[in-house]
């Protein structure tokens, strides 16, 4: 591999490819590094409608994109968090909301943590997460996560958007900022004597040489897996879902500001509200359910048994590549791996990976040490996210199908996840113990508390034990009064549309 980078070539567009192109163009704007993205016009994106974590907002803020500019063009809405329904059968815990963080949480999180500790000792206190977080109230009232000017508190949030349209928007932006776009199909890869990729050849005979290549070719991993032979590490032993069926439904006038994940017989259904439609899908395991049965169940769930709406069927390759950076090639997006879409981690991983690469590499002196440390960090990031996703399944209490029973009885979980669950069961201080044991996790302590408490993962209440330290009436009043400082979701979306040039 060349010790300096003068030309970076990205194979594949879509959201991942164009995020990479924009990130590189912005961060390396003064480096005189050429960036070329090659994508086949014959290969489309999945484009079923996506949700994001707050990481996407950080990316868009960094490259100078305003919400009123991109959101109307991508049919985008705001996302305060995710509501999980029917994952737990424990009384009082049939549903819970996983919030994104805010500065306001510091006024209620201590009370939440205290009550979860008390409840884990069998004391009868309120320890469900929903009443403790402002973003849960915002979602319930369909309020946008944008505080009024006289209420200066930062609230983190994500988005829902049409993935295809976001890719188009980012493409146009990247081209405006100097990225070369080649709309052709790549048919061959040339290698140099040391094994590095030297150039990509297109169907028209064009040869695009480069110093470094980024593989955004999707699940097939055309460069990282097919050409360079990097092994794929499957997560099938503890993440069973490998397929999805997708059906859109009309949007109502009052647009939700949360993603909804509802557990069904052999997986779960997502509900993602866009401005022009609602994206729905059923993520399931093909080992337990056929494609036809999954489509039938999703139609029943949506009340579309007789509607003439065509369904799309997708297959997923869940896992990660053994090395994310091999030779002079970086895998990004689906080519680097995929952890099923339960917590909208896909674009989070794209942004984290490309910025980790940018921050790790000096384009004037790329070293082997950069590569080794980078691969170790990214493998650990995938494993930590896998732990959090697996926890959703291992803690389920459903027994209605063999699928849910197999998930609940699955012993193929990491030592880190076993430790986290054991710490919670014993009533110890989860955040302190995770730090002491150096348990790696990509999710905050608050997220783990919300997950574990949201499932009602508590022992039986012990008689004659009481604790009134936390005044839930004051918590409710604080959350309610905070929510009065946020605008209606529909109002904000309409304001964005009015600001967009026709």
Protein backbone atom coordinates (compact mmCIF):
# COMPACT_ATOMS: atom_id res chain seq x y z
CA UNK A 1 0.00 0.00 0.00
CA UNK A 2 1.18 3.50 -0.84
CA UNK A 3 2.43 5.44 2.18
CA UNK A 4 0.54 8.53 1.01
CA UNK A 5 -3.02 8.89 -0.17
CA UNK A 6 -3.62 10.96 -3.27
CA UNK A 7 -6.69 9.27 -4.74
CA UNK A 8 -9.44 7.48 -2.79
CA UNK A 9 -11.88 5.39 -4.84
CA UNK A 10 -15.25 4.38 -3.40
CA UNK A 11 -17.05 1.40 -4.95
CA UNK A 12 -20.80 1.72 -4.47
CA UNK A 13 -23.09 4.61 -3.70
CA UNK A 14 -26.16 4.44 -1.51
CA UNK A 15 -26.18 6.09 1.87
CA UNK A 16 -22.92 4.52 3.04
CA UNK A 17 -20.93 5.44 -0.05
CA UNK A 18 -22.10 9.03 -0.16
CA UNK A 19 -21.63 9.51 3.59
CA UNK A 20 -18.02 8.39 3.08
CA UNK A 21 -17.55 10.71 0.10
CA UNK A 22 -18.91 13.74 1.96
CA UNK A 23 -16.98 12.98 5.15
CA UNK A 24 -13.69 12.64 3.27
CA UNK A 25 -14.32 15.72 1.12
CA UNK A 26 -15.11 17.80 4.21
CA UNK A 27 -12.31 16.60 6.50
CA UNK A 28 -9.63 16.44 3.80
CA UNK A 29 -10.66 19.53 1.90
CA UNK A 30 -7.18 21.07 2.20
CA UNK A 31 -5.26 17.85 1.51
CA UNK A 32 -5.55 17.92 -2.28
CA UNK A 33 -6.82 14.34 -2.27
CA UNK A 34 -8.99 13.25 -5.18
CA UNK A 35 -12.16 11.31 -4.30
CA UNK A 36 -13.99 9.21 -6.90
CA UNK A 37 -17.17 7.23 -6.34
CA UNK A 38 -18.16 4.54 -8.84
CA UNK A 39 -21.67 3.10 -8.74
CA UNK A 40 -23.63 1.02 -11.17
CA UNK A 41 -26.91 2.58 -12.32
CA UNK A 42 -28.26 -0.97 -12.47
CA UNK A 43 -27.87 -1.59 -8.72
CA UNK A 44 -30.39 0.17 -6.51
CA UNK A 45 -30.43 0.70 -2.77
CA UNK A 46 -32.71 -1.15 -0.38
CA UNK A 47 -34.51 2.16 0.22
CA UNK A 48 -37.32 0.87 2.43
CA UNK A 49 -37.28 3.85 4.80
CA UNK A 50 -34.79 4.00 7.62
CA UNK A 51 -34.39 5.25 11.14
CA UNK A 52 -31.17 6.59 12.59
CA UNK A 53 -29.50 7.22 15.90
CA UNK A 54 -28.30 10.76 16.81
CA UNK A 55 -25.00 9.94 15.08
CA UNK A 56 -26.49 10.87 11.72
CA UNK A 57 -27.33 14.36 12.97
CA UNK A 58 -23.72 14.82 14.12
CA UNK A 59 -22.54 13.88 10.63
CA UNK A 60 -24.95 16.24 8.87
CA UNK A 61 -24.08 19.07 11.27
CA UNK A 62 -20.37 18.55 10.64
CA UNK A 63 -20.66 18.78 6.86
CA UNK A 64 -22.89 21.86 7.16
CA UNK A 65 -26.26 20.50 6.09
CA UNK A 66 -29.35 22.17 7.57
CA UNK A 67 -32.50 20.21 8.36
CA UNK A 68 -34.76 22.50 6.34
CA UNK A 69 -32.55 21.82 3.31
CA UNK A 70 -32.48 18.01 3.35
CA UNK A 71 -35.46 16.76 5.37
CA UNK A 72 -38.28 17.81 2.98
CA UNK A 73 -36.34 16.41 0.02
CA UNK A 74 -35.99 13.03 1.76
CA UNK A 75 -39.51 12.83 3.24
CA UNK A 76 -37.79 12.86 6.64
CA UNK A 77 -39.27 13.12 10.12
CA UNK A 78 -37.79 13.40 13.60
CA UNK A 79 -37.14 10.46 15.90
CA UNK A 80 -37.10 10.77 19.70
CA UNK A 81 -36.42 7.08 20.26
CA UNK A 82 -37.91 3.62 19.84
CA UNK A 83 -41.00 2.10 21.41
CA UNK A 84 -40.82 -1.67 22.00
CA UNK A 85 -44.11 -3.53 22.22
CA UNK A 86 -44.92 -7.14 23.14
CA UNK A 87 -41.31 -8.20 23.69
CA UNK A 88 -42.02 -8.90 27.36
CA UNK A 89 -44.97 -10.72 28.90
CA UNK A 90 -44.24 -9.48 32.41
CA UNK A 91 -47.29 -7.63 33.85
CA UNK A 92 -46.91 -3.88 33.46
CA UNK A 93 -44.05 -4.18 30.98
CA UNK A 94 -45.78 -5.01 27.69
CA UNK A 95 -44.28 -1.86 26.19
CA UNK A 96 -41.49 0.60 26.93
CA UNK A 97 -39.77 3.53 25.26
CA UNK A 98 -36.01 3.64 24.66
CA UNK A 99 -35.16 7.37 24.72
CA UNK A 100 -32.32 9.30 23.20
CA UNK A 101 -30.39 11.31 25.77
CA UNK A 102 -30.95 14.94 26.75
CA UNK A 103 -29.46 17.43 29.18
CA UNK A 104 -32.78 17.34 31.02
CA UNK A 105 -32.18 13.71 32.00
CA UNK A 106 -29.76 14.69 34.76
CA UNK A 107 -32.77 15.90 36.78
CA UNK A 108 -34.55 12.54 36.63
CA UNK A 109 -31.98 9.84 35.86
CA UNK A 110 -30.75 9.62 39.45
CA UNK A 111 -34.32 8.93 40.59
CA UNK A 112 -34.70 6.34 37.84
CA UNK A 113 -31.49 4.57 38.78
CA UNK A 114 -32.39 4.62 42.46
CA UNK A 115 -35.80 3.06 41.85
CA UNK A 116 -34.34 0.35 39.64
CA UNK A 117 -31.87 -0.54 42.41
CA UNK A 118 -34.71 -0.65 44.93
CA UNK A 119 -36.92 -2.71 42.64
CA UNK A 120 -34.08 -5.20 42.04
CA UNK A 121 -34.07 -5.78 45.79
CA UNK A 122 -37.77 -6.62 45.69
CA UNK A 123 -39.05 -3.25 46.92
CA UNK A 124 -42.36 -2.14 45.43
CA UNK A 125 -41.44 1.12 43.66
CA UNK A 126 -42.14 2.45 40.18
CA UNK A 127 -39.21 1.31 38.03
CA UNK A 128 -40.53 1.45 34.49
CA UNK A 129 -38.45 3.88 32.38
CA UNK A 130 -41.19 5.75 30.50
CA UNK A 131 -42.12 8.29 33.19
CA UNK A 132 -38.53 9.42 33.81
CA UNK A 133 -37.50 10.78 30.39
CA UNK A 134 -38.66 13.89 28.57
CA UNK A 135 -38.26 12.35 25.11
CA UNK A 136 -40.81 9.67 26.05
CA UNK A 137 -43.30 12.43 26.81
CA UNK A 138 -42.42 14.22 23.57
CA UNK A 139 -43.14 11.06 21.59
CA UNK A 140 -46.42 10.44 23.39
CA UNK A 141 -47.56 13.99 22.57
CA UNK A 142 -46.03 14.01 19.05
CA UNK A 143 -43.68 16.88 19.84
CA UNK A 144 -40.45 17.56 17.94
CA UNK A 145 -37.15 17.37 19.91
CA UNK A 146 -36.35 21.05 19.26
CA UNK A 147 -36.53 23.09 22.48
CA UNK A 148 -37.74 26.67 22.40
CA UNK A 149 -35.13 29.43 22.28
CA UNK A 150 -35.80 30.33 25.92
CA UNK A 151 -35.36 26.68 26.98
CA UNK A 152 -31.66 26.11 26.19
CA UNK A 153 -31.21 22.39 26.80
CA UNK A 154 -29.68 19.99 24.29
CA UNK A 155 -31.87 17.06 23.29
CA UNK A 156 -30.36 14.33 21.14
CA UNK A 157 -32.46 12.86 18.38
CA UNK A 158 -32.41 10.86 15.19
CA UNK A 159 -34.41 10.87 11.98
CA UNK A 160 -36.66 8.73 9.82
CA UNK A 161 -36.07 9.14 6.08
CA UNK A 162 -36.29 7.57 2.65
CA UNK A 163 -32.88 5.92 2.28
CA UNK A 164 -32.84 6.19 -1.51
CA UNK A 165 -33.64 9.91 -1.46
CA UNK A 166 -31.04 10.61 1.20
CA UNK A 167 -28.46 8.85 -0.95
CA UNK A 168 -29.44 11.06 -3.91
CA UNK A 169 -29.23 14.21 -1.78
CA UNK A 170 -25.78 13.30 -0.44
CA UNK A 171 -24.64 12.38 -3.95
CA UNK A 172 -25.55 15.79 -5.33
CA UNK A 173 -23.91 17.50 -2.37
CA UNK A 174 -20.68 15.51 -2.75
CA UNK A 175 -20.47 16.25 -6.47
CA UNK A 176 -20.94 19.96 -5.73
CA UNK A 177 -18.02 19.71 -3.33
CA UNK A 178 -15.63 18.18 -5.82
CA UNK A 179 -16.21 14.41 -5.64
CA UNK A 180 -16.00 12.69 -9.04
CA UNK A 181 -19.04 10.51 -9.78
CA UNK A 182 -18.71 7.62 -12.23
CA UNK A 183 -22.07 5.99 -13.01
CA UNK A 184 -20.81 2.72 -14.46
CA UNK A 185 -20.69 -0.96 -13.58
CA UNK A 186 -17.33 -2.31 -12.41
CA UNK A 187 -16.44 -5.59 -14.13
CA UNK A 188 -12.84 -6.21 -13.06
CA UNK A 189 -10.32 -5.46 -10.31
CA UNK A 190 -6.59 -5.02 -10.98
CA UNK A 191 -4.09 -5.92 -8.26
CA UNK A 192 -0.53 -4.75 -7.76
CA UNK A 193 2.43 -6.99 -6.95
CA UNK A 194 2.08 -6.56 -3.18
CA UNK A 195 -1.57 -7.64 -3.23
CA UNK A 196 -3.06 -4.15 -3.00
CA UNK A 197 -5.93 -3.12 -5.25
CA UNK A 198 -4.51 -1.01 -8.06
CA UNK A 199 -7.54 -0.09 -10.15
CA UNK A 200 -11.16 -0.82 -11.00
CA UNK A 201 -12.23 -1.39 -14.59
CA UNK A 202 -15.72 -0.40 -15.74
CA UNK A 203 -17.96 -1.94 -18.36
CA UNK A 204 -17.14 0.84 -20.84
CA UNK A 205 -13.41 0.09 -20.55
CA UNK A 206 -12.54 2.94 -18.21
CA UNK A 207 -9.76 2.21 -15.70
CA UNK A 208 -9.95 4.06 -12.37
CA UNK A 209 -6.67 3.75 -10.47
CA UNK A 210 -6.33 4.75 -6.84
CA UNK A 211 -4.15 4.62 -3.73
CA UNK A 212 -6.97 3.54 -1.42
CA UNK A 213 -10.36 1.89 -2.00
CA UNK A 214 -13.53 1.90 0.09
CA UNK A 215 -15.89 -1.02 -0.47
CA UNK A 216 -19.54 0.09 -0.25
CA UNK A 217 -20.80 -2.66 -2.54
CA UNK A 218 -23.33 -4.04 -0.05
CA UNK A 219 -23.68 -7.57 1.29
CA UNK A 220 -21.64 -9.05 -1.58
CA UNK A 221 -18.47 -7.26 -0.40
CA UNK A 222 -17.04 -7.15 -3.94
CA UNK A 223 -13.62 -5.90 -2.84
CA UNK A 224 -13.16 -6.84 0.81
CA UNK A 225 -14.64 -10.33 0.62
CA UNK A 226 -14.71 -11.45 -3.00
CA UNK A 227 -11.45 -9.91 -4.18
CA UNK A 228 -9.32 -9.78 -1.01
CA UNK A 229 -10.81 -12.89 0.57
CA UNK A 230 -11.44 -11.49 4.05
CA UNK A 231 -13.54 -14.06 5.95
CA UNK A 232 -17.05 -13.22 7.15
CA UNK A 233 -17.86 -13.84 10.83
CA UNK A 234 -21.51 -14.87 11.07
CA UNK A 235 -23.64 -13.87 14.07
CA UNK A 236 -26.25 -16.54 13.31
CA UNK A 237 -25.57 -18.40 16.55
CA UNK A 238 -27.30 -15.72 18.61
CA UNK A 239 -29.04 -13.42 16.10
CA UNK A 240 -31.45 -15.71 14.25
CA UNK A 241 -33.16 -13.21 11.95
CA UNK A 242 -31.99 -13.29 8.34
CA UNK A 243 -34.93 -12.06 6.26
CA UNK A 244 -37.52 -9.30 6.06
CA UNK A 245 -40.72 -8.48 4.20
CA UNK A 246 -41.64 -4.84 3.58
CA UNK A 247 -45.04 -3.17 3.05
CA UNK A 248 -45.80 0.58 2.97
CA UNK A 249 -49.03 2.07 4.33
CA UNK A 250 -50.48 5.59 4.00
CA UNK A 251 -49.39 8.27 6.44
CA UNK A 252 -51.93 9.92 8.73
CA UNK A 253 -52.19 13.66 9.22
CA UNK A 254 -50.61 13.50 12.68
CA UNK A 255 -47.11 12.09 12.15
CA UNK A 256 -45.43 10.04 14.88
CA UNK A 257 -42.00 11.00 16.18
CA UNK A 258 -40.82 7.54 17.19
CA UNK A 259 -39.98 4.20 15.64
CA UNK A 260 -42.15 1.33 16.84
CA UNK A 261 -40.84 -2.23 17.14
CA UNK A 262 -43.55 -4.82 17.77
CA UNK A 263 -42.68 -8.44 18.48
CA UNK A 264 -44.58 -10.89 16.28
CA UNK A 265 -44.52 -14.70 16.15
CA UNK A 266 -41.11 -15.19 14.51
CA UNK A 267 -39.41 -11.83 14.85
CA UNK A 268 -40.56 -8.24 15.00
CA UNK A 269 -42.23 -5.57 12.88
CA UNK A 270 -40.95 -2.03 12.43
CA UNK A 271 -43.09 1.05 11.89
CA UNK A 272 -41.16 4.03 10.52
CA UNK A 273 -43.14 7.23 9.88
CA UNK A 274 -42.10 9.31 6.86
CA UNK A 275 -43.92 12.42 5.68
CA UNK A 276 -45.53 10.70 2.68
CA UNK A 277 -46.01 7.15 3.96
CA UNK A 278 -45.32 4.75 6.80
CA UNK A 279 -42.58 2.20 6.22
CA UNK A 280 -43.44 -1.20 7.66
CA UNK A 281 -41.43 -4.38 7.71
CA UNK A 282 -41.24 -7.75 9.43
CA UNK A 283 -37.78 -9.00 10.36
CA UNK A 284 -37.87 -12.77 10.90
CA UNK A 285 -35.88 -16.00 10.86
CA UNK A 286 -36.23 -18.10 7.73
CA UNK A 287 -35.37 -21.17 9.82
CA UNK A 288 -38.67 -20.78 11.69
CA UNK A 289 -40.94 -19.03 9.20
CA UNK A 290 -41.39 -19.08 5.41
CA UNK A 291 -41.48 -15.91 3.33
CA UNK A 292 -45.16 -16.46 2.50
CA UNK A 293 -46.09 -16.99 6.15
CA UNK A 294 -44.16 -13.88 7.17
CA UNK A 295 -45.95 -11.78 4.55
CA UNK A 296 -49.31 -13.13 5.67
CA UNK A 297 -48.56 -12.30 9.30
CA UNK A 298 -47.37 -8.79 8.45
CA UNK A 299 -50.50 -8.14 6.39
CA UNK A 300 -52.63 -9.29 9.32
CA UNK A 301 -50.64 -7.08 11.69
CA UNK A 302 -51.23 -4.06 9.42
CA UNK A 303 -54.82 -4.90 8.49
CA UNK A 304 -53.88 -5.29 4.82
CA UNK A 305 -55.17 -8.81 4.13
CA UNK A 306 -57.29 -7.66 1.17
CA UNK A 307 -55.30 -4.60 0.10
CA UNK A 308 -53.48 -4.74 -3.24
CA UNK A 309 -50.15 -3.54 -1.89
CA UNK A 310 -47.11 -5.34 -3.25
CA UNK A 311 -44.66 -6.68 -0.68
CA UNK A 312 -40.88 -6.70 -1.06
CA UNK A 313 -38.81 -9.57 0.32
CA UNK A 314 -35.23 -9.06 1.51
CA UNK A 315 -32.48 -11.32 2.82
CA UNK A 316 -29.94 -10.19 5.41
CA UNK A 317 -26.39 -11.31 6.04
CA UNK A 318 -25.89 -10.75 9.78
CA UNK A 319 -22.33 -10.59 11.06
CA UNK A 320 -19.12 -8.76 10.24
CA UNK A 321 -15.94 -9.17 8.25
CA UNK A 322 -12.94 -10.44 10.18
CA UNK A 323 -10.93 -7.34 9.22
CA UNK A 324 -12.56 -4.07 8.23
CA UNK A 325 -9.35 -2.73 6.70
CA UNK A 326 -7.33 -5.16 4.57
CA UNK A 327 -4.47 -4.19 2.25
CA UNK A 328 -5.48 -0.78 0.87
CA UNK A 329 -9.22 -1.38 1.19
CA UNK A 330 -11.73 -0.31 3.84
CA UNK A 331 -15.10 -2.04 4.11
CA UNK A 332 -18.01 0.26 4.90
CA UNK A 333 -21.73 -0.23 5.28
CA UNK A 334 -23.22 -3.63 4.47
CA UNK A 335 -19.89 -4.85 3.05
CA UNK A 336 -18.30 -4.54 6.49
CA UNK A 337 -21.17 -6.22 8.26
CA UNK A 338 -24.72 -5.84 9.47
CA UNK A 339 -26.35 -6.24 12.84
CA UNK A 340 -30.06 -6.63 12.31
CA UNK A 341 -32.01 -3.33 12.22
CA UNK A 342 -33.49 -3.53 15.72
CA UNK A 343 -31.76 -0.43 17.12
CA UNK A 344 -31.01 1.39 13.84
CA UNK A 345 -27.28 0.75 14.16
CA UNK A 346 -26.41 0.52 10.44
CA UNK A 347 -25.72 4.20 9.74
CA UNK A 348 -24.29 4.60 13.22
CA UNK A 349 -21.63 2.06 12.26
CA UNK A 350 -21.04 3.74 8.89
CA UNK A 351 -20.41 7.13 10.51
CA UNK A 352 -18.33 5.68 13.34
CA UNK A 353 -16.19 3.66 10.93
CA UNK A 354 -15.45 6.38 8.39
CA UNK A 355 -14.63 8.98 11.04
CA UNK A 356 -12.49 6.48 12.95
CA UNK A 357 -10.59 5.94 9.70
CA UNK A 358 -10.20 9.67 9.04
CA UNK A 359 -9.06 10.34 12.60
CA UNK A 360 -6.66 7.39 12.58
CA UNK A 361 -4.89 8.03 9.31
CA UNK A 362 -2.39 10.66 8.30
CA UNK A 363 -2.79 10.74 4.50
CA UNK A 364 0.89 11.62 4.23
CA UNK A 365 2.11 8.61 6.20
CA UNK A 366 -0.25 5.63 6.40
CA UNK A 367 1.18 2.86 8.58
CA UNK A 368 0.51 -0.77 9.45
CA UNK A 369 -0.02 0.28 13.07
CA UNK A 370 -2.96 2.42 11.96
CA UNK A 371 -4.55 -0.62 10.34
CA UNK A 372 -4.11 -3.06 13.23
CA UNK A 373 -5.48 -0.73 15.89
CA UNK A 374 -8.34 0.28 13.62
CA UNK A 375 -9.39 -3.32 13.00
CA UNK A 376 -9.31 -4.11 16.71
CA UNK A 377 -11.50 -1.11 17.56
CA UNK A 378 -14.06 -1.83 14.88
CA UNK A 379 -14.31 -5.51 15.73
CA UNK A 380 -14.90 -4.54 19.37
CA UNK A 381 -17.55 -2.00 18.31
CA UNK A 382 -19.48 -4.65 16.37
CA UNK A 383 -19.25 -7.12 19.23
CA UNK A 384 -20.47 -4.57 21.78
CA UNK A 385 -23.46 -3.63 19.64
CA UNK A 386 -24.19 -7.31 19.11
CA UNK A 387 -24.32 -7.79 22.90
CA UNK A 388 -26.93 -5.07 23.25
CA UNK A 389 -29.09 -6.45 20.43
CA UNK A 390 -28.80 -10.04 21.67
CA UNK A 391 -29.96 -8.88 25.11
CA UNK A 392 -33.35 -7.99 23.60
CA UNK A 393 -33.82 -11.61 22.58
CA UNK A 394 -32.24 -13.45 25.48
CA UNK A 395 -34.46 -11.58 27.97
CA UNK A 396 -37.75 -12.12 26.13
CA UNK A 397 -40.37 -14.01 28.12
CA UNK A 398 -42.56 -15.11 25.22
CA UNK A 399 -43.29 -18.82 24.91
CA UNK A 400 -45.90 -18.74 22.13
CA UNK A 401 -43.58 -20.06 19.38
CA UNK A 402 -40.49 -22.20 19.11
CA UNK A 403 -38.67 -19.14 17.77
CA UNK A 404 -39.10 -17.15 20.98
CA UNK A 405 -38.40 -20.16 23.17
CA UNK A 406 -35.15 -20.81 21.30
CA UNK A 407 -34.10 -17.19 21.72
CA UNK A 408 -34.82 -17.19 25.43
CA UNK A 409 -32.97 -20.47 25.96
CA UNK A 410 -29.98 -19.62 23.77
CA UNK A 411 -26.72 -19.94 25.69
CA UNK A 412 -24.52 -18.57 22.89
CA UNK A 413 -23.90 -15.19 24.47
CA UNK A 414 -20.64 -13.41 25.21
CA UNK A 415 -18.92 -13.29 28.59
CA UNK A 416 -19.52 -9.52 28.63
CA UNK A 417 -23.27 -9.90 28.23
CA UNK A 418 -23.38 -12.65 30.84
CA UNK A 419 -21.58 -10.33 33.25
CA UNK A 420 -23.96 -7.43 32.58
CA UNK A 421 -27.03 -9.60 33.19
CA UNK A 422 -25.50 -11.07 36.33
CA UNK A 423 -24.61 -7.63 37.69
CA UNK A 424 -28.19 -6.51 37.17
CA UNK A 425 -29.62 -9.64 38.82
CA UNK A 426 -27.46 -9.25 41.91
CA UNK A 427 -28.53 -5.65 42.41
CA UNK A 428 -25.01 -4.27 42.08
CA UNK A 429 -24.17 -0.83 40.67
CA UNK A 430 -24.28 -1.58 36.95
CA UNK A 431 -22.36 1.46 35.71
CA UNK A 432 -19.58 1.09 38.30
CA UNK A 433 -19.27 -2.64 37.75
CA UNK A 434 -19.11 -2.28 33.96
CA UNK A 435 -16.23 0.18 34.39
CA UNK A 436 -14.47 -1.95 36.99
CA UNK A 437 -14.71 -5.10 34.87
CA UNK A 438 -13.78 -3.13 31.72
CA UNK A 439 -16.85 -4.44 29.91
CA UNK A 440 -16.81 -2.87 26.47
CA UNK A 441 -20.11 -1.44 25.30
CA UNK A 442 -21.23 0.96 22.60
CA UNK A 443 -24.36 1.75 24.58
CA UNK A 444 -24.56 4.09 27.55
CA UNK A 445 -25.45 3.03 31.04
CA UNK A 446 -28.80 4.76 30.59
CA UNK A 447 -29.56 2.61 27.54
CA UNK A 448 -28.81 -0.58 29.44
CA UNK A 449 -30.97 0.56 32.37
CA UNK A 450 -33.87 1.36 30.02
CA UNK A 451 -33.59 -2.01 28.27
CA UNK A 452 -33.34 -4.11 31.42
CA UNK A 453 -36.01 -2.21 33.32
CA UNK A 454 -38.24 -1.85 30.26
CA UNK A 455 -38.48 -5.64 30.05
CA UNK A 456 -39.44 -5.78 33.73
CA UNK A 457 -36.28 -7.80 34.40
CA UNK A 458 -36.91 -7.77 38.14
CA UNK A 459 -37.44 -10.31 40.94
CA UNK A 460 -40.80 -10.76 42.61
CA UNK A 461 -41.90 -7.96 44.92
CA UNK A 462 -41.27 -8.79 48.56
CA UNK A 463 -44.12 -8.15 51.01
CA UNK A 464 -43.82 -5.44 53.66
CA UNK A 465 -40.99 -3.62 51.85
CA UNK A 466 -41.51 0.03 50.93
CA UNK A 467 -39.40 2.98 49.82
CA UNK A 468 -40.74 6.48 49.24
CA UNK A 469 -37.49 8.32 48.54
CA UNK A 470 -38.44 9.13 44.95
CA UNK A 471 -41.52 11.34 44.63
CA UNK A 472 -43.02 10.22 41.32
CA UNK A 473 -45.49 13.13 41.35
CA UNK A 474 -42.55 15.55 41.21
CA UNK A 475 -40.92 13.52 38.44
CA UNK A 476 -44.15 13.57 36.43
CA UNK A 477 -44.56 17.30 36.94
CA UNK A 478 -40.98 18.03 35.87
CA UNK A 479 -41.27 15.95 32.70
CA UNK A 480 -44.67 17.42 31.87
CA UNK A 481 -43.55 21.03 32.31
CA UNK A 482 -40.40 20.44 30.26
CA UNK A 483 -42.47 19.05 27.40
CA UNK A 484 -44.42 22.32 27.21
CA UNK A 485 -41.29 23.94 25.72
CA UNK A 486 -41.28 21.87 22.53
CA UNK A 487 -43.19 22.46 19.28
CA UNK A 488 -45.55 20.08 17.52
CA UNK A 489 -43.87 17.65 15.14
CA UNK A 490 -46.19 18.51 12.26
CA UNK A 491 -45.62 22.23 12.77
CA UNK A 492 -41.85 21.84 12.45
CA UNK A 493 -42.11 19.67 9.33
CA UNK A 494 -44.44 22.18 7.69
CA UNK A 495 -42.04 24.99 8.58
CA UNK A 496 -39.19 23.09 6.88
CA UNK A 497 -41.28 22.63 3.74
CA UNK A 498 -42.04 26.35 3.59
CA UNK A 499 -38.31 27.14 3.77
CA UNK A 500 -37.41 24.77 0.93
CA UNK A 501 -37.16 26.47 -2.49
CA UNK A 502 -39.83 25.20 -4.87
